[in-house]
Amino acid sequence: MDITFDTNVIIRMFQPRNTVREHEKLVEIEKARKLYEKMARGRHLAIIPECVLAEFCAVYSRLTNPSLALRAASKVREITKVIAPCHEPGFFRVVALIDHTFDAIPFSVAHLYGTTFITADEGFYKYILDKGLDKRLNVDVLLLREL
């Protein structure tokens, strides 16, 4: 399965378990790590926009330190196809149609590349489904904890 995901999913891939107390977040960490392992073994092709990787690096640097963030970003880059979607025809039309937060960018990539979109953001997940954008744009949308 080809996939695209938001920054929260990458954070969960690397987030230390001892920094989380909520059971739901621990489940997300386990699911994200299994997803990472499958990507590393070539079972999933992950296509992500470069801005998601940049956001991950910035956030993870705050959570840990710049050195760990750079190493983690490098690991992600090795097993994903990082793209510059702003050059794709139709990209901004889709972002404007979604009319939401930063997560509109990876969701637009999922639409443009025909990938399944995975998010850890339940609010955005509900927004997409409530607006019918998954059906309108023909994108399979999954919530990380339900993988």
Foldseek 3Di string as FASTA:
>chain_A
DEEEEALVLLCLCPPDPVVDDDPLSVLLSVLSVVVLVCLVVVVYAYEYEPVRLVVNLVVVCVVPNNVVSVVSSVSVVVRYHYDHCVPPPPQVVQLVVLVDDPVSNRVSVCLVVVHAYEYQDVVSVVSCVVVVVCVVSVHHYYYSSVD
